[in-house]
Amino acid sequence: MGVKSGIRALGVAESFRGREGTASTLCGAVLRASRATDGFTFGSCTVGGTDATEEIATLTARLDREDVRYVLVSGLALAWYNLVDLRVIAEELDRPCLSITFEGSDGGLEAGLREAFSGAALDDRLETYRRQPPRRAVDVGDGTVFVRSVGLPDEEADDVVQAFTPEGGRPEPLRVARLAARAADRWRSGEQ
C-alpha cells in the first residue's frame, strides 16, 4: 500500500512519577510520515484509574484535526493499569487506533491485573483488556514492535507503523509525544 509522506498520525504517550490517584501527563503529538511535527495537545489521566480511554478521545477531539488519519497509543496499560479501549477510541473518533508496545510478553496483562486489583476493579479491567484485538509482532527496521489495531486491516496497520518508524524502533509520533510528555511532567512538578 505505502503511506504518503504528508499523511498525519497522532501519537499519544504519557509520563508519570506519582502514586495511585495522582495524575499522569498525556501528550498527543501530530506528525507527518515525513517526520515533520505538526501540533501538540496535552491532558492527563489518573494513575490507577479508568479514565485513559476518555482522556485520549478528549485530547484528540480537542485538536479538531480532520487531517489526522491514525491515532497511535504507546501501550495499552497507561498509568498503572489505566487501560485503553482501542475500540472505543476508534469508534468515537471515526479513525483507526493502534496500540504499540516495545517488549514481548508471554502472558499479557492478566497476571499483573490480578495481582494489583480485585472485585469490580479487576472485573472491569479484565473486560476492557479482553475486548482488545490480539498483539502482533511487526518488524521495523532494526527491531520489532508489538501492535494491536482497530479500524484497518493488519497489513495496512503494519504499513502505517513502518512508515512512521524511520529508525530507532519507536514510531516517531510516539517518540516525540513521550519526550513532550516528560518535559510537561517536569514543568508541572516544578522541576527545571
N, C-alpha and C. Protein backbone atom coordinates (compact mmCIF):
# COMPACT_ATOMS: atom_id res chain seq x y z
N MET A 1 0.81 -1.19 0.00
CA MET A 1 0.00 0.00 0.00
C MET A 1 0.85 1.25 0.00
N GLY A 2 1.73 1.40 0.99
CA GLY A 2 2.57 2.59 1.08
C GLY A 2 1.82 3.76 1.69
N VAL A 3 2.48 4.48 2.57
CA VAL A 3 1.89 5.63 3.24
C VAL A 3 2.58 6.87 2.68
N LYS A 4 1.80 7.83 2.19
CA LYS A 4 2.36 9.05 1.63
C LYS A 4 2.97 9.90 2.72
N SER A 5 4.00 10.67 2.37
CA SER A 5 4.77 11.43 3.36
C SER A 5 3.95 12.51 4.07
N GLY A 6 2.87 12.97 3.46
CA GLY A 6 2.05 14.02 4.08
C GLY A 6 0.98 13.50 5.03
N ILE A 7 0.80 12.19 5.10
CA ILE A 7 -0.21 11.60 5.99
C ILE A 7 0.17 11.89 7.43
N ARG A 8 -0.83 12.25 8.25
CA ARG A 8 -0.57 12.59 9.64
C ARG A 8 -1.11 11.55 10.60
N ALA A 9 -0.36 11.37 11.67
CA ALA A 9 -0.80 10.49 12.76
C ALA A 9 -0.63 11.25 14.07
N LEU A 10 -1.49 10.94 15.01
CA LEU A 10 -1.36 11.47 16.36
C LEU A 10 -0.77 10.38 17.22
N GLY A 11 0.36 10.66 17.84
CA GLY A 11 0.96 9.73 18.79
C GLY A 11 0.63 10.19 20.19
N VAL A 12 0.16 9.27 21.03
CA VAL A 12 -0.18 9.61 22.42
C VAL A 12 0.73 8.79 23.34
N ALA A 13 1.44 9.51 24.20
CA ALA A 13 2.32 8.87 25.18
C ALA A 13 2.15 9.57 26.52
N GLU A 14 2.69 8.96 27.56
CA GLU A 14 2.49 9.50 28.91
C GLU A 14 3.81 9.64 29.65
N SER A 15 3.73 10.38 30.74
CA SER A 15 4.82 10.47 31.71
C SER A 15 4.19 10.59 33.08
N PHE A 16 4.57 9.69 33.98
CA PHE A 16 4.10 9.84 35.36
C PHE A 16 5.14 9.35 36.33
N ARG A 17 5.16 10.00 37.46
CA ARG A 17 6.08 9.62 38.51
C ARG A 17 5.37 9.66 39.85
N GLY A 18 4.09 9.42 39.82
CA GLY A 18 3.31 9.54 41.04
C GLY A 18 2.87 8.21 41.58
N ARG A 19 2.01 8.29 42.54
CA ARG A 19 1.43 7.09 43.12
C ARG A 19 -0.04 7.04 42.75
N GLU A 20 -0.71 5.98 43.12
CA GLU A 20 -2.11 5.80 42.77
C GLU A 20 -2.93 7.02 43.15
N GLY A 21 -3.80 7.44 42.24
CA GLY A 21 -4.67 8.59 42.47
C GLY A 21 -4.11 9.90 41.96
N THR A 22 -2.81 9.95 41.64
CA THR A 22 -2.24 11.17 41.09
C THR A 22 -2.42 11.17 39.58
N ALA A 23 -2.00 12.25 38.94
CA ALA A 23 -2.21 12.39 37.50
C ALA A 23 -0.97 11.98 36.71
N SER A 24 -1.21 11.36 35.58
CA SER A 24 -0.19 11.06 34.59
C SER A 24 -0.36 12.05 33.44
N THR A 25 0.73 12.67 33.02
CA THR A 25 0.68 13.64 31.94
C THR A 25 0.60 12.91 30.60
N LEU A 26 -0.38 13.28 29.79
CA LEU A 26 -0.52 12.74 28.44
C LEU A 26 -0.14 13.81 27.43
N CYS A 27 0.52 13.39 26.38
CA CYS A 27 0.80 14.30 25.27
C CYS A 27 0.37 13.63 23.98
N GLY A 28 -0.28 14.39 23.14
CA GLY A 28 -0.59 13.96 21.79
C GLY A 28 0.26 14.79 20.83
N ALA A 29 1.05 14.15 20.01
CA ALA A 29 1.90 14.84 19.04
C ALA A 29 1.48 14.44 17.64
N VAL A 30 1.16 15.44 16.82
CA VAL A 30 0.79 15.20 15.43
C VAL A 30 2.06 15.27 14.59
N LEU A 31 2.32 14.19 13.87
CA LEU A 31 3.47 14.17 12.97
C LEU A 31 3.04 13.65 11.61
N ARG A 32 3.71 14.15 10.59
CA ARG A 32 3.54 13.62 9.24
C ARG A 32 4.46 12.42 9.09
N ALA A 33 4.16 11.58 8.14
CA ALA A 33 5.04 10.44 7.88
C ALA A 33 6.42 10.91 7.46
N SER A 34 6.54 12.15 6.98
CA SER A 34 7.84 12.72 6.61
C SER A 34 8.65 13.14 7.83
N ARG A 35 8.09 12.97 9.04
CA ARG A 35 8.69 13.29 10.32
C ARG A 35 8.51 14.74 10.74
N ALA A 36 7.79 15.54 9.98
CA ALA A 36 7.54 16.92 10.38
C ALA A 36 6.49 16.94 11.49
N THR A 37 6.80 17.67 12.56
CA THR A 37 5.87 17.81 13.68
C THR A 37 4.85 18.88 13.30
N ASP A 38 3.59 18.61 13.61
CA ASP A 38 2.52 19.46 13.11
C ASP A 38 1.51 19.84 14.19
N GLY A 39 1.84 19.63 15.47
CA GLY A 39 0.93 20.06 16.53
C GLY A 39 1.07 19.21 17.78
N PHE A 40 0.62 19.80 18.91
CA PHE A 40 0.63 19.12 20.20
C PHE A 40 -0.66 19.38 20.94
N THR A 41 -1.00 18.47 21.81
CA THR A 41 -2.10 18.65 22.74
C THR A 41 -1.73 17.90 24.02
N PHE A 42 -2.22 18.39 25.15
CA PHE A 42 -1.86 17.79 26.43
C PHE A 42 -3.10 17.50 27.25
N GLY A 43 -2.99 16.52 28.10
CA GLY A 43 -4.06 16.17 29.02
C GLY A 43 -3.48 15.34 30.15
N SER A 44 -4.35 14.66 30.87
CA SER A 44 -3.88 13.80 31.95
C SER A 44 -4.90 12.70 32.19
N CYS A 45 -4.43 11.63 32.81
CA CYS A 45 -5.31 10.56 33.25
C CYS A 45 -4.87 10.17 34.66
N THR A 46 -5.72 9.47 35.36
CA THR A 46 -5.48 9.14 36.75
C THR A 46 -4.64 7.88 36.89
N VAL A 47 -3.59 7.96 37.68
CA VAL A 47 -2.76 6.79 37.96
C VAL A 47 -3.62 5.78 38.72
N GLY A 48 -3.73 4.57 38.17
CA GLY A 48 -4.55 3.53 38.78
C GLY A 48 -6.03 3.70 38.51
N GLY A 49 -6.39 4.64 37.65
CA GLY A 49 -7.80 4.92 37.37
C GLY A 49 -8.33 4.16 36.17
N THR A 50 -9.43 4.68 35.64
CA THR A 50 -10.08 4.05 34.49
C THR A 50 -10.46 5.10 33.43
N ASP A 51 -9.78 6.23 33.42
CA ASP A 51 -10.16 7.32 32.54
C ASP A 51 -9.26 7.53 31.33
N ALA A 52 -8.31 6.64 31.07
CA ALA A 52 -7.36 6.84 29.97
C ALA A 52 -8.06 6.89 28.61
N THR A 53 -9.00 6.00 28.38
CA THR A 53 -9.70 5.97 27.09
C THR A 53 -10.41 7.30 26.84
N GLU A 54 -11.16 7.75 27.82
CA GLU A 54 -11.90 9.01 27.70
C GLU A 54 -10.95 10.19 27.50
N GLU A 55 -9.85 10.21 28.23
CA GLU A 55 -8.91 11.32 28.13
C GLU A 55 -8.22 11.35 26.77
N ILE A 56 -7.88 10.19 26.23
CA ILE A 56 -7.25 10.16 24.90
C ILE A 56 -8.25 10.63 23.85
N ALA A 57 -9.49 10.18 23.94
CA ALA A 57 -10.51 10.63 22.99
C ALA A 57 -10.71 12.14 23.10
N THR A 58 -10.72 12.66 24.33
CA THR A 58 -10.93 14.10 24.54
C THR A 58 -9.77 14.92 23.99
N LEU A 59 -8.54 14.52 24.28
CA LEU A 59 -7.43 15.33 23.78
C LEU A 59 -7.32 15.25 22.27
N THR A 60 -7.70 14.13 21.68
CA THR A 60 -7.70 14.01 20.22
C THR A 60 -8.78 14.90 19.62
N ALA A 61 -9.97 14.87 20.20
CA ALA A 61 -11.07 15.70 19.70
C ALA A 61 -10.74 17.18 19.86
N ARG A 62 -10.06 17.53 20.95
CA ARG A 62 -9.68 18.93 21.21
C ARG A 62 -8.80 19.49 20.10
N LEU A 63 -8.01 18.63 19.47
CA LEU A 63 -7.16 19.08 18.36
C LEU A 63 -8.00 19.59 17.19
N ASP A 64 -9.17 18.98 17.00
CA ASP A 64 -10.06 19.34 15.89
C ASP A 64 -9.30 19.30 14.56
N ARG A 65 -8.64 18.15 14.33
CA ARG A 65 -7.83 17.97 13.13
C ARG A 65 -8.36 16.80 12.32
N GLU A 66 -9.13 17.10 11.31
CA GLU A 66 -9.66 16.05 10.44
C GLU A 66 -8.56 15.41 9.60
N ASP A 67 -7.42 16.10 9.48
CA ASP A 67 -6.34 15.56 8.66
C ASP A 67 -5.53 14.48 9.37
N VAL A 68 -5.76 14.28 10.66
CA VAL A 68 -5.08 13.20 11.38
C VAL A 68 -5.77 11.89 11.03
N ARG A 69 -5.05 11.01 10.36
CA ARG A 69 -5.66 9.78 9.86
C ARG A 69 -5.61 8.62 10.84
N TYR A 70 -4.60 8.61 11.73
CA TYR A 70 -4.40 7.49 12.64
C TYR A 70 -4.09 8.00 14.05
N VAL A 71 -4.54 7.25 15.04
CA VAL A 71 -4.18 7.51 16.43
C VAL A 71 -3.30 6.34 16.89
N LEU A 72 -2.07 6.65 17.30
CA LEU A 72 -1.14 5.66 17.81
C LEU A 72 -0.97 5.89 19.31
N VAL A 73 -1.16 4.86 20.09
CA VAL A 73 -1.04 4.97 21.54
C VAL A 73 0.14 4.12 22.01
N SER A 74 0.94 4.70 22.87
CA SER A 74 2.09 3.99 23.41
C SER A 74 1.63 3.09 24.54
N GLY A 75 1.35 1.85 24.18
CA GLY A 75 0.91 0.87 25.17
C GLY A 75 -0.60 0.76 25.26
N LEU A 76 -1.01 -0.13 26.13
CA LEU A 76 -2.43 -0.38 26.37
C LEU A 76 -2.77 -0.11 27.83
N ALA A 77 -1.77 -0.26 28.70
CA ALA A 77 -1.97 -0.07 30.14
C ALA A 77 -1.17 1.14 30.57
N LEU A 78 -1.79 2.31 30.51
CA LEU A 78 -1.13 3.54 30.93
C LEU A 78 -1.26 3.68 32.45
N ALA A 79 -0.46 4.53 33.02
CA ALA A 79 -0.63 5.00 34.40
C ALA A 79 -1.08 3.91 35.36
N TRP A 80 -0.28 2.90 35.50
CA TRP A 80 -0.54 1.79 36.42
C TRP A 80 -1.90 1.16 36.15
N TYR A 81 -2.01 0.51 35.01
CA TYR A 81 -3.18 -0.27 34.61
C TYR A 81 -4.44 0.57 34.36
N ASN A 82 -4.28 1.78 33.90
CA ASN A 82 -5.40 2.57 33.41
C ASN A 82 -5.55 2.18 31.94
N LEU A 83 -6.37 1.16 31.68
CA LEU A 83 -6.40 0.52 30.36
C LEU A 83 -7.08 1.37 29.30
N VAL A 84 -6.51 1.30 28.10
CA VAL A 84 -7.04 1.99 26.94
C VAL A 84 -7.92 1.03 26.15
N ASP A 85 -9.11 1.48 25.80
CA ASP A 85 -10.01 0.69 24.96
C ASP A 85 -9.92 1.21 23.53
N LEU A 86 -9.13 0.54 22.71
CA LEU A 86 -8.89 0.98 21.33
C LEU A 86 -10.17 1.04 20.52
N ARG A 87 -11.07 0.11 20.78
CA ARG A 87 -12.33 0.07 20.02
C ARG A 87 -13.18 1.30 20.29
N VAL A 88 -13.23 1.74 21.53
CA VAL A 88 -14.00 2.94 21.88
C VAL A 88 -13.39 4.17 21.22
N ILE A 89 -12.07 4.29 21.29
CA ILE A 89 -11.41 5.45 20.68
C ILE A 89 -11.65 5.48 19.18
N ALA A 90 -11.46 4.35 18.51
CA ALA A 90 -11.66 4.29 17.05
C ALA A 90 -13.09 4.66 16.68
N GLU A 91 -14.05 4.20 17.46
CA GLU A 91 -15.45 4.49 17.17
C GLU A 91 -15.78 5.96 17.44
N GLU A 92 -15.35 6.47 18.58
CA GLU A 92 -15.66 7.86 18.93
C GLU A 92 -15.01 8.85 17.98
N LEU A 93 -13.80 8.56 17.52
CA LEU A 93 -13.07 9.49 16.68
C LEU A 93 -13.20 9.19 15.19
N ASP A 94 -13.82 8.06 14.87
CA ASP A 94 -14.02 7.65 13.48
C ASP A 94 -12.71 7.62 12.70
N ARG A 95 -11.71 6.98 13.31
CA ARG A 95 -10.42 6.76 12.64
C ARG A 95 -9.72 5.60 13.30
N PRO A 96 -8.82 4.95 12.59
CA PRO A 96 -8.12 3.79 13.14
C PRO A 96 -7.30 4.16 14.38
N CYS A 97 -7.24 3.21 15.30
CA CYS A 97 -6.46 3.39 16.52
C CYS A 97 -5.55 2.17 16.69
N LEU A 98 -4.28 2.44 16.98
CA LEU A 98 -3.29 1.37 17.14
C LEU A 98 -2.58 1.55 18.47
N SER A 99 -2.36 0.46 19.15
CA SER A 99 -1.54 0.45 20.35
C SER A 99 -0.22 -0.22 19.99
N ILE A 100 0.89 0.44 20.36
CA ILE A 100 2.20 -0.10 20.05
C ILE A 100 2.97 -0.28 21.36
N THR A 101 3.51 -1.48 21.55
CA THR A 101 4.38 -1.74 22.69
C THR A 101 5.72 -2.21 22.17
N PHE A 102 6.70 -2.24 23.05
CA PHE A 102 8.07 -2.40 22.60
C PHE A 102 8.77 -3.63 23.16
N GLU A 103 8.06 -4.40 23.96
CA GLU A 103 8.64 -5.62 24.52
C GLU A 103 7.65 -6.76 24.38
N GLY A 104 8.17 -7.95 24.12
CA GLY A 104 7.32 -9.13 24.04
C GLY A 104 6.81 -9.52 25.42
N SER A 105 5.74 -10.28 25.43
CA SER A 105 5.14 -10.73 26.69
C SER A 105 4.45 -12.06 26.44
N ASP A 106 4.76 -13.04 27.26
CA ASP A 106 4.13 -14.34 27.09
C ASP A 106 2.71 -14.37 27.62
N GLY A 107 2.50 -13.82 28.79
CA GLY A 107 1.21 -13.95 29.44
C GLY A 107 0.28 -12.76 29.32
N GLY A 108 0.72 -11.68 28.71
CA GLY A 108 -0.12 -10.50 28.62
C GLY A 108 -0.27 -9.80 29.97
N LEU A 109 -1.35 -9.06 30.11
CA LEU A 109 -1.56 -8.24 31.30
C LEU A 109 -2.36 -8.91 32.41
N GLU A 110 -2.99 -10.04 32.13
CA GLU A 110 -3.93 -10.61 33.10
C GLU A 110 -3.30 -10.90 34.46
N ALA A 111 -2.10 -11.47 34.47
CA ALA A 111 -1.47 -11.79 35.76
C ALA A 111 -1.22 -10.52 36.58
N GLY A 112 -0.71 -9.49 35.95
CA GLY A 112 -0.48 -8.23 36.64
C GLY A 112 -1.75 -7.59 37.14
N LEU A 113 -2.80 -7.66 36.33
CA LEU A 113 -4.10 -7.12 36.75
C LEU A 113 -4.62 -7.86 37.98
N ARG A 114 -4.51 -9.18 37.96
CA ARG A 114 -4.99 -9.98 39.09
C ARG A 114 -4.18 -9.72 40.37
N GLU A 115 -2.92 -9.40 40.18
CA GLU A 115 -2.07 -9.11 41.34
C GLU A 115 -2.40 -7.73 41.94
N ALA A 116 -2.77 -6.78 41.09
CA ALA A 116 -2.97 -5.40 41.53
C ALA A 116 -4.41 -5.07 41.94
N PHE A 117 -5.38 -5.82 41.42
CA PHE A 117 -6.78 -5.46 41.65
C PHE A 117 -7.60 -6.68 42.04
N SER A 118 -8.77 -6.42 42.59
CA SER A 118 -9.72 -7.49 42.91
C SER A 118 -11.13 -6.93 42.75
N GLY A 119 -12.11 -7.81 42.85
CA GLY A 119 -13.51 -7.40 42.79
C GLY A 119 -13.88 -6.71 41.50
N ALA A 120 -14.73 -5.69 41.62
CA ALA A 120 -15.24 -4.97 40.45
C ALA A 120 -14.12 -4.26 39.69
N ALA A 121 -13.10 -3.75 40.40
CA ALA A 121 -12.00 -3.06 39.73
C ALA A 121 -11.27 -4.03 38.79
N LEU A 122 -11.06 -5.26 39.25
CA LEU A 122 -10.43 -6.27 38.41
C LEU A 122 -11.35 -6.66 37.26
N ASP A 123 -12.61 -6.93 37.56
CA ASP A 123 -13.56 -7.36 36.53
C ASP A 123 -13.67 -6.34 35.40
N ASP A 124 -13.75 -5.06 35.75
CA ASP A 124 -13.86 -4.01 34.73
C ASP A 124 -12.62 -3.97 33.84
N ARG A 125 -11.45 -4.08 34.46
CA ARG A 125 -10.21 -4.03 33.69
C ARG A 125 -10.06 -5.27 32.80
N LEU A 126 -10.40 -6.43 33.34
CA LEU A 126 -10.32 -7.65 32.53
C LEU A 126 -11.27 -7.58 31.34
N GLU A 127 -12.46 -7.04 31.55
CA GLU A 127 -13.42 -6.90 30.45
C GLU A 127 -12.85 -5.99 29.36
N THR A 128 -12.28 -4.86 29.75
CA THR A 128 -11.68 -3.95 28.78
C THR A 128 -10.51 -4.62 28.06
N TYR A 129 -9.65 -5.28 28.81
CA TYR A 129 -8.47 -5.93 28.24
C TYR A 129 -8.87 -7.02 27.24
N ARG A 130 -9.81 -7.84 27.60
CA ARG A 130 -10.22 -8.94 26.72
C ARG A 130 -10.94 -8.48 25.46
N ARG A 131 -11.44 -7.26 25.46
CA ARG A 131 -12.13 -6.70 24.31
C ARG A 131 -11.14 -6.24 23.22
N GLN A 132 -9.87 -6.13 23.57
CA GLN A 132 -8.88 -5.60 22.63
C GLN A 132 -8.42 -6.68 21.66
N PRO A 133 -8.03 -6.27 20.45
CA PRO A 133 -7.50 -7.25 19.48
C PRO A 133 -6.18 -7.82 19.97
N PRO A 134 -5.80 -8.97 19.45
CA PRO A 134 -4.52 -9.57 19.86
C PRO A 134 -3.33 -8.74 19.36
N ARG A 135 -2.21 -8.89 20.06
CA ARG A 135 -0.97 -8.23 19.64
C ARG A 135 -0.30 -9.04 18.55
N ARG A 136 0.34 -8.31 17.63
CA ARG A 136 1.10 -8.94 16.56
C ARG A 136 2.48 -8.31 16.51
N ALA A 137 3.46 -9.10 16.23
CA ALA A 137 4.82 -8.58 16.05
C ALA A 137 4.92 -7.95 14.67
N VAL A 138 5.54 -6.77 14.61
CA VAL A 138 5.75 -6.06 13.35
C VAL A 138 7.21 -5.65 13.30
N ASP A 139 7.89 -6.03 12.22
CA ASP A 139 9.29 -5.64 12.03
C ASP A 139 9.38 -4.18 11.63
N VAL A 140 10.27 -3.45 12.30
CA VAL A 140 10.50 -2.03 11.97
C VAL A 140 12.01 -1.81 11.88
N GLY A 141 12.55 -2.05 10.71
CA GLY A 141 13.99 -1.84 10.52
C GLY A 141 14.81 -2.76 11.38
N ASP A 142 15.47 -2.18 12.38
CA ASP A 142 16.38 -2.92 13.25
C ASP A 142 15.68 -3.71 14.33
N GLY A 143 14.41 -3.52 14.54
CA GLY A 143 13.76 -4.16 15.67
C GLY A 143 12.36 -4.63 15.37
N THR A 144 11.67 -4.92 16.46
CA THR A 144 10.29 -5.41 16.39
C THR A 144 9.45 -4.65 17.40
N VAL A 145 8.26 -4.26 16.99
CA VAL A 145 7.28 -3.70 17.92
C VAL A 145 6.07 -4.62 17.90
N PHE A 146 5.19 -4.43 18.87
CA PHE A 146 4.01 -5.27 19.00
C PHE A 146 2.78 -4.38 18.88
N VAL A 147 1.89 -4.74 17.96
CA VAL A 147 0.81 -3.85 17.55
C VAL A 147 -0.54 -4.51 17.74
N ARG A 148 -1.46 -3.72 18.26
CA ARG A 148 -2.89 -4.05 18.26
C ARG A 148 -3.53 -2.95 17.43
N SER A 149 -4.46 -3.31 16.55
CA SER A 149 -5.06 -2.27 15.71
C SER A 149 -6.56 -2.50 15.56
N VAL A 150 -7.26 -1.39 15.50
CA VAL A 150 -8.71 -1.38 15.29
C VAL A 150 -9.00 -0.40 14.17
N GLY A 151 -9.79 -0.80 13.21
CA GLY A 151 -10.23 0.11 12.16
C GLY A 151 -9.48 0.01 10.85
N LEU A 152 -8.55 -0.94 10.74
CA LEU A 152 -7.88 -1.16 9.48
C LEU A 152 -7.30 -2.57 9.46
N PRO A 153 -7.13 -3.13 8.27
CA PRO A 153 -6.58 -4.49 8.17
C PRO A 153 -5.15 -4.54 8.70
N ASP A 154 -4.73 -5.72 9.14
CA ASP A 154 -3.40 -5.89 9.71
C ASP A 154 -2.29 -5.41 8.77
N GLU A 155 -2.40 -5.73 7.51
CA GLU A 155 -1.36 -5.35 6.55
C GLU A 155 -1.23 -3.82 6.46
N GLU A 156 -2.35 -3.12 6.45
CA GLU A 156 -2.31 -1.66 6.41
C GLU A 156 -1.76 -1.11 7.72
N ALA A 157 -2.14 -1.71 8.85
CA ALA A 157 -1.61 -1.28 10.14
C ALA A 157 -0.09 -1.43 10.16
N ASP A 158 0.42 -2.54 9.63
CA ASP A 158 1.87 -2.76 9.55
C ASP A 158 2.53 -1.66 8.72
N ASP A 159 1.92 -1.31 7.57
CA ASP A 159 2.46 -0.25 6.72
C ASP A 159 2.51 1.08 7.46
N VAL A 160 1.47 1.38 8.22
CA VAL A 160 1.42 2.64 8.97
C VAL A 160 2.54 2.67 10.00
N VAL A 161 2.67 1.62 10.78
CA VAL A 161 3.70 1.58 11.82
C VAL A 161 5.08 1.70 11.19
N GLN A 162 5.33 0.98 10.11
CA GLN A 162 6.63 1.03 9.45
C GLN A 162 6.90 2.41 8.85
N ALA A 163 5.89 3.04 8.26
CA ALA A 163 6.07 4.37 7.66
C ALA A 163 6.41 5.43 8.69
N PHE A 164 5.88 5.29 9.89
CA PHE A 164 6.12 6.28 10.94
C PHE A 164 7.30 5.90 11.84
N THR A 165 8.04 4.84 11.46
CA THR A 165 9.20 4.39 12.25
C THR A 165 10.43 4.40 11.35
N PRO A 166 11.02 5.56 11.11
CA PRO A 166 12.15 5.64 10.19
C PRO A 166 13.43 5.02 10.76
N GLU A 167 13.57 5.05 12.08
CA GLU A 167 14.75 4.49 12.72
C GLU A 167 14.50 4.39 14.22
N GLY A 168 15.27 3.58 14.89
CA GLY A 168 15.23 3.54 16.33
C GLY A 168 14.18 2.64 16.95
N GLY A 169 13.31 2.03 16.17
CA GLY A 169 12.37 1.06 16.72
C GLY A 169 11.16 1.64 17.42
N ARG A 170 10.98 2.96 17.44
CA ARG A 170 9.81 3.57 18.07
C ARG A 170 9.19 4.51 17.05
N PRO A 171 7.89 4.34 16.75
CA PRO A 171 7.26 5.25 15.79
C PRO A 171 7.46 6.71 16.22
N GLU A 172 7.81 7.54 15.27
CA GLU A 172 8.16 8.93 15.54
C GLU A 172 7.07 9.70 16.29
N PRO A 173 5.78 9.54 15.99
CA PRO A 173 4.78 10.27 16.78
C PRO A 173 4.81 9.89 18.26
N LEU A 174 5.11 8.63 18.56
CA LEU A 174 5.19 8.20 19.96
C LEU A 174 6.47 8.68 20.62
N ARG A 175 7.56 8.69 19.89
CA ARG A 175 8.83 9.18 20.44
C ARG A 175 8.71 10.66 20.82
N VAL A 176 8.17 11.46 19.91
CA VAL A 176 8.03 12.90 20.15
C VAL A 176 7.02 13.15 21.28
N ALA A 177 5.91 12.42 21.28
CA ALA A 177 4.91 12.60 22.34
C ALA A 177 5.49 12.24 23.71
N ARG A 178 6.29 11.20 23.76
CA ARG A 178 6.91 10.80 25.03
C ARG A 178 7.87 11.86 25.54
N LEU A 179 8.68 12.42 24.66
CA LEU A 179 9.60 13.49 25.06
C LEU A 179 8.83 14.71 25.57
N ALA A 180 7.78 15.10 24.86
CA ALA A 180 7.00 16.27 25.27
C ALA A 180 6.25 16.01 26.57
N ALA A 181 5.72 14.79 26.76
CA ALA A 181 5.02 14.46 28.00
C ALA A 181 5.98 14.53 29.18
N ARG A 182 7.19 14.03 29.00
CA ARG A 182 8.18 14.09 30.08
C ARG A 182 8.53 15.54 30.44
N ALA A 183 8.71 16.38 29.41
CA ALA A 183 9.02 17.79 29.66
C ALA A 183 7.85 18.48 30.37
N ALA A 184 6.64 18.20 29.94
CA ALA A 184 5.46 18.80 30.58
C ALA A 184 5.31 18.31 32.01
N ASP A 185 5.61 17.04 32.24
CA ASP A 185 5.53 16.47 33.59
C ASP A 185 6.53 17.16 34.52
N ARG A 186 7.74 17.37 34.02
CA ARG A 186 8.76 18.07 34.83
C ARG A 186 8.31 19.51 35.10
N TRP A 187 7.74 20.16 34.12
CA TRP A 187 7.28 21.54 34.28
C TRP A 187 6.15 21.60 35.31
N ARG A 188 5.19 20.66 35.20
CA ARG A 188 4.07 20.62 36.15
C ARG A 188 4.54 20.41 37.58
N SER A 189 5.59 19.62 37.75
CA SER A 189 6.06 19.33 39.10
C SER A 189 7.05 20.37 39.62
N GLY A 190 7.33 21.38 38.81
CA GLY A 190 8.20 22.47 39.25
C GLY A 190 9.67 22.21 39.06
N GLU A 191 10.04 21.12 38.40
CA GLU A 191 11.45 20.85 38.14
C GLU A 191 11.95 21.73 37.00
N GLN A 192 13.21 22.02 37.04
CA GLN A 192 13.82 22.81 35.97
C GLN A 192 14.71 21.96 35.12
